[in-house]
Amino acid sequence: MSEAGGERGVCLVVGAGDGLGASIARAFAREGLRVCVTRRPRNTEAVDKLAEAIRAEVGEAYAFGLDARVEDDVAALIERIEREIGPIEVLVFNIGANVRFPIVETTTRVYSKVWEMAALAGFLASREVARSMIERGHGTMLFTGATASVRGGSGFAAFAGAKHALRALAQSLARELGPKGVHVAHVVIDGAIDGAFIRGLLPDAGEKLAREEILVPDEIAKNYVWLHRQKRSAWTFEMDLRPWSETW
């Protein structure tokens, strides 16, 4: 577990959607961290509601609209959080960017945008947070991966390319920053995650959930907290999570 100073630390969740991102934010708020949650500027109402709910239920939370692909905006937000709210003890990069297109229908714009969201944005956030974590000699960076992080599938050229890049970024960061006291971990989410999208996509989602055949966001989030709390004598770099019935 990273040793924070006397000031209560911050968990910054970049990509705090209604499902996993929200669960991760709540989980770290329960740990006593101040939580900062971001979504794209057009989704500020949703992220504001999440922060309000966290404040009402479990702890301290702040919401920000952020296009995580814009270098100056990322740098400015992280500087503001460090100055006005507290030291960033945990960075969770959780932007999904999951799309599926046949290769001949994958435009340059689609491929570039998916890479910017799932890979470039991860680089920008981690680079800016690393500046202060290195100086303090501790911190945790957690990256949300997917099946596509380790295995490309039909129709997922853009998504798999971006997720492979994010995994490579996490590996490089772990090797560079681990000796400086910063714990970097990559979490492969191998399976469907319960939520509105999956329930709309799978007609039998409710039945699968009852049989514990779909990943539950709150259960995933517990593992993120566990990674942060690990002692540095036994750090995990990569963890994969899947339902018991998932074929892999």
Protein backbone atom coordinates (compact mmCIF):
# COMPACT_ATOMS: atom_id res chain seq x y z
CA MET A 1 0.00 0.00 0.00
CA SER A 2 1.32 3.41 -0.92
CA GLU A 3 2.23 5.58 2.05
CA ALA A 4 0.37 8.88 1.83
CA GLY A 5 1.43 11.89 3.78
CA GLY A 6 -0.61 13.66 6.43
CA GLU A 7 -2.97 15.08 3.79
CA ARG A 8 -5.80 12.83 2.66
CA GLY A 9 -5.11 11.60 -0.86
CA VAL A 10 -7.15 11.79 -4.05
CA CYS A 11 -8.34 9.04 -6.37
CA LEU A 12 -8.75 10.38 -9.90
CA VAL A 13 -11.00 8.25 -12.12
CA VAL A 14 -10.65 9.22 -15.77
CA GLY A 15 -13.68 7.78 -17.53
CA ALA A 16 -16.21 7.48 -14.70
CA GLY A 17 -19.15 6.00 -16.56
CA ASP A 18 -22.39 4.79 -15.02
CA GLY A 19 -21.10 1.24 -14.56
CA LEU A 20 -17.56 0.25 -13.67
CA GLY A 21 -16.19 3.78 -13.36
CA ALA A 22 -18.89 4.74 -10.88
CA SER A 23 -18.29 1.59 -8.84
CA ILE A 24 -14.54 2.23 -8.72
CA ALA A 25 -15.12 5.81 -7.57
CA ARG A 26 -17.47 4.68 -4.80
CA ALA A 27 -15.06 1.96 -3.69
CA PHE A 28 -12.17 4.39 -3.25
CA ALA A 29 -14.43 6.94 -1.54
CA ARG A 30 -15.25 4.23 1.01
CA GLU A 31 -11.51 3.87 1.59
CA GLY A 32 -11.44 7.51 2.68
CA LEU A 33 -9.88 9.02 -0.44
CA ARG A 34 -11.21 12.18 -1.99
CA VAL A 35 -12.60 11.12 -5.36
CA CYS A 36 -12.37 13.14 -8.57
CA VAL A 37 -14.40 11.78 -11.48
CA THR A 38 -14.29 12.83 -15.13
CA ARG A 39 -16.29 12.26 -18.27
CA ARG A 40 -16.41 14.00 -21.61
CA PRO A 41 -17.72 17.59 -21.39
CA ARG A 42 -21.01 16.61 -23.03
CA ASN A 43 -21.65 14.20 -20.13
CA THR A 44 -21.07 16.65 -17.29
CA GLU A 45 -24.64 16.26 -16.00
CA ALA A 46 -24.10 12.52 -15.52
CA VAL A 47 -20.76 12.93 -13.77
CA ASP A 48 -22.19 15.69 -11.57
CA LYS A 49 -24.93 13.29 -10.45
CA LEU A 50 -22.34 10.63 -9.69
CA ALA A 51 -20.35 13.02 -7.51
CA GLU A 52 -23.53 14.12 -5.73
CA ALA A 53 -24.46 10.50 -5.04
CA ILE A 54 -21.01 9.71 -3.66
CA ARG A 55 -21.15 12.74 -1.38
CA ALA A 56 -24.58 11.68 -0.14
CA GLU A 57 -23.66 8.02 0.35
CA VAL A 58 -20.01 7.48 1.15
CA GLY A 59 -17.57 10.36 0.99
CA GLU A 60 -16.00 13.37 -0.71
CA ALA A 61 -16.29 13.70 -4.49
CA TYR A 62 -15.69 16.27 -7.24
CA ALA A 63 -16.85 16.14 -10.86
CA PHE A 64 -15.13 17.49 -13.97
CA GLY A 65 -15.88 17.56 -17.66
CA LEU A 66 -12.73 16.52 -19.51
CA ASP A 67 -11.76 15.58 -23.04
CA ALA A 68 -8.91 13.32 -21.97
CA ARG A 69 -7.38 13.49 -25.46
CA VAL A 70 -6.50 17.19 -25.11
CA GLU A 71 -3.02 17.59 -23.63
CA ASP A 72 -3.42 21.08 -22.18
CA ASP A 73 -6.78 20.25 -20.59
CA VAL A 74 -5.43 17.11 -18.91
CA ALA A 75 -2.38 18.93 -17.57
CA ALA A 76 -4.50 21.83 -16.29
CA LEU A 77 -6.99 19.57 -14.52
CA ILE A 78 -4.34 17.50 -12.77
CA GLU A 79 -2.50 20.64 -11.66
CA ARG A 80 -5.78 22.05 -10.34
CA ILE A 81 -6.62 18.88 -8.40
CA GLU A 82 -3.17 18.77 -6.83
CA ARG A 83 -3.40 22.45 -5.89
CA GLU A 84 -7.02 22.75 -4.74
CA ILE A 85 -8.14 19.28 -3.60
CA GLY A 86 -5.16 17.17 -2.60
CA PRO A 87 -2.30 14.94 -3.77
CA ILE A 88 -3.35 12.34 -6.34
CA GLU A 89 -2.64 9.03 -4.64
CA VAL A 90 -4.48 6.84 -7.17
CA LEU A 91 -5.03 7.29 -10.89
CA VAL A 92 -7.60 4.97 -12.48
CA PHE A 93 -7.71 5.18 -16.27
CA ASN A 94 -11.03 3.66 -17.28
CA ILE A 95 -11.94 4.97 -20.74
CA GLY A 96 -13.49 2.15 -22.79
CA ALA A 97 -13.76 3.13 -26.49
CA ASN A 98 -15.14 -0.26 -27.49
CA VAL A 99 -16.32 -0.31 -31.11
CA ARG A 100 -16.76 -3.07 -33.67
CA PHE A 101 -16.45 -2.57 -37.43
CA PRO A 102 -15.40 -4.86 -40.30
CA ILE A 103 -11.95 -3.82 -41.45
CA VAL A 104 -13.20 -2.42 -44.79
CA GLU A 105 -15.69 -0.24 -42.90
CA THR A 106 -13.16 1.04 -40.36
CA THR A 107 -12.41 4.61 -41.34
CA THR A 108 -9.23 6.44 -40.48
CA ARG A 109 -11.30 8.72 -38.26
CA VAL A 110 -12.71 5.78 -36.29
CA TYR A 111 -9.31 4.12 -35.88
CA SER A 112 -7.66 7.39 -34.82
CA LYS A 113 -10.42 8.36 -32.40
CA VAL A 114 -10.42 4.97 -30.67
CA TRP A 115 -6.64 5.13 -30.29
CA GLU A 116 -6.83 8.67 -28.93
CA MET A 117 -9.48 7.71 -26.36
CA ALA A 118 -8.05 4.39 -25.18
CA ALA A 119 -4.30 4.92 -25.61
CA LEU A 120 -3.26 8.56 -26.07
CA ALA A 121 -5.50 9.70 -23.21
CA GLY A 122 -3.96 7.07 -20.94
CA PHE A 123 -0.50 8.33 -21.81
CA LEU A 124 -1.42 11.96 -21.11
CA ALA A 125 -3.06 11.25 -17.74
CA SER A 126 -0.30 8.95 -16.52
CA ARG A 127 2.50 11.27 -17.61
CA GLU A 128 1.02 14.24 -15.80
CA VAL A 129 0.23 12.30 -12.62
CA ALA A 130 3.67 10.65 -12.68
CA ARG A 131 5.35 14.02 -12.18
CA SER A 132 4.06 14.40 -8.63
CA MET A 133 4.02 10.68 -7.77
CA ILE A 134 7.72 10.41 -8.59
CA GLU A 135 8.47 13.46 -6.48
CA ARG A 136 6.53 12.05 -3.52
CA GLY A 137 7.95 8.54 -3.98
CA HIS A 138 4.61 6.74 -3.92
CA GLY A 139 1.28 6.35 -5.73
CA THR A 140 -0.83 3.89 -7.69
CA MET A 141 -1.82 3.84 -11.36
CA LEU A 142 -4.49 1.38 -12.47
CA PHE A 143 -5.46 0.83 -16.11
CA THR A 144 -8.65 -0.90 -17.20
CA GLY A 145 -7.98 -3.37 -19.98
CA ALA A 146 -10.18 -5.81 -21.87
CA THR A 147 -10.05 -9.11 -23.71
CA ALA A 148 -8.86 -7.00 -26.65
CA SER A 149 -5.78 -5.98 -24.64
CA VAL A 150 -4.29 -9.43 -25.15
CA ARG A 151 -6.23 -10.91 -28.08
CA GLY A 152 -7.46 -9.25 -31.26
CA GLY A 153 -10.84 -10.39 -32.50
CA SER A 154 -12.77 -10.21 -35.76
CA GLY A 155 -14.11 -6.71 -36.21
CA PHE A 156 -12.03 -5.24 -33.38
CA ALA A 157 -8.97 -3.96 -35.24
CA ALA A 158 -9.32 -0.43 -33.89
CA PHE A 159 -10.26 -1.40 -30.34
CA ALA A 160 -7.65 -4.15 -30.02
CA GLY A 161 -4.93 -1.92 -31.43
CA ALA A 162 -5.69 0.79 -28.89
CA LYS A 163 -6.00 -1.62 -25.96
CA HIS A 164 -2.76 -3.38 -26.87
CA ALA A 165 -1.10 0.05 -26.89
CA LEU A 166 -2.53 0.88 -23.46
CA ARG A 167 -1.24 -2.42 -22.06
CA ALA A 168 2.22 -1.70 -23.48
CA LEU A 169 2.11 1.74 -21.90
CA ALA A 170 1.24 0.19 -18.53
CA GLN A 171 4.09 -2.34 -18.84
CA SER A 172 6.59 0.40 -19.62
CA LEU A 173 5.34 2.55 -16.76
CA ALA A 174 5.52 -0.36 -14.32
CA ARG A 175 9.14 -1.03 -15.19
CA GLU A 176 10.11 2.64 -15.07
CA LEU A 177 8.08 3.82 -12.08
CA GLY A 178 8.06 0.73 -9.85
CA PRO A 179 11.65 1.37 -8.67
CA LYS A 180 10.55 4.92 -7.86
CA GLY A 181 7.80 3.69 -5.53
CA VAL A 182 4.83 3.94 -7.90
CA HIS A 183 2.66 0.84 -8.30
CA VAL A 184 1.33 0.40 -11.85
CA ALA A 185 -1.18 -2.34 -12.64
CA HIS A 186 -3.23 -3.38 -15.66
CA VAL A 187 -6.58 -5.13 -15.17
CA VAL A 188 -7.88 -7.32 -18.00
CA ILE A 189 -11.68 -7.42 -17.85
CA ASP A 190 -12.47 -10.58 -19.79
CA GLY A 191 -16.23 -10.75 -20.16
CA ALA A 192 -19.46 -8.76 -20.23
CA ILE A 193 -19.98 -6.24 -17.42
CA ASP A 194 -23.47 -5.78 -16.03
CA GLY A 195 -25.08 -2.49 -17.01
CA ALA A 196 -27.63 -0.86 -19.28
CA PHE A 197 -25.59 -1.55 -22.43
CA ILE A 198 -25.18 -5.28 -21.77
CA ARG A 199 -28.79 -5.67 -20.63
CA GLY A 200 -29.90 -4.13 -23.90
CA LEU A 201 -27.49 -6.27 -25.91
CA LEU A 202 -28.15 -9.65 -24.26
CA PRO A 203 -31.81 -10.70 -23.95
CA ASP A 204 -30.90 -13.18 -21.20
CA ALA A 205 -28.63 -10.78 -19.27
CA GLY A 206 -30.85 -10.95 -16.19
CA GLU A 207 -30.67 -14.74 -16.09
CA LYS A 208 -26.91 -14.68 -16.63
CA LEU A 209 -26.50 -12.19 -13.81
CA ALA A 210 -28.53 -14.41 -11.47
CA ARG A 211 -26.18 -17.30 -12.32
CA GLU A 212 -23.15 -15.03 -11.77
CA GLU A 213 -22.16 -15.36 -15.43
CA ILE A 214 -21.71 -11.60 -15.93
CA LEU A 215 -19.12 -9.42 -14.23
CA VAL A 216 -20.58 -7.18 -11.51
CA PRO A 217 -19.04 -3.66 -11.38
CA ASP A 218 -18.93 -3.48 -7.57
CA GLU A 219 -17.06 -6.79 -7.40
CA ILE A 220 -14.56 -5.63 -10.01
CA ALA A 221 -14.01 -2.41 -8.08
CA LYS A 222 -13.04 -4.32 -4.93
CA ASN A 223 -10.05 -5.68 -6.83
CA TYR A 224 -8.89 -2.18 -7.79
CA VAL A 225 -8.87 -1.22 -4.12
CA TRP A 226 -7.01 -4.44 -3.29
CA LEU A 227 -4.34 -3.62 -5.86
CA HIS A 228 -3.85 -0.18 -4.34
CA ARG A 229 -3.55 -1.64 -0.86
CA GLN A 230 -0.88 -4.21 -1.80
CA LYS A 231 2.42 -4.05 0.03
CA ARG A 232 5.30 -3.24 -2.29
CA SER A 233 7.05 -6.49 -1.39
CA ALA A 234 4.41 -8.28 -3.51
CA TRP A 235 2.97 -6.00 -6.19
CA THR A 236 0.75 -7.33 -8.96
CA PHE A 237 1.27 -5.91 -12.43
CA GLU A 238 -1.50 -7.71 -14.32
CA MET A 239 -4.75 -9.15 -13.07
CA ASP A 240 -7.46 -10.73 -15.19
CA LEU A 241 -11.08 -10.94 -14.07
CA ARG A 242 -13.82 -13.03 -15.65
CA PRO A 243 -16.99 -14.88 -14.60
CA TRP A 244 -16.55 -18.52 -13.63
CA SER A 245 -18.36 -19.64 -16.80
CA GLU A 246 -16.38 -17.51 -19.27
CA THR A 247 -14.64 -19.55 -21.99
CA TRP A 248 -11.07 -18.36 -22.40
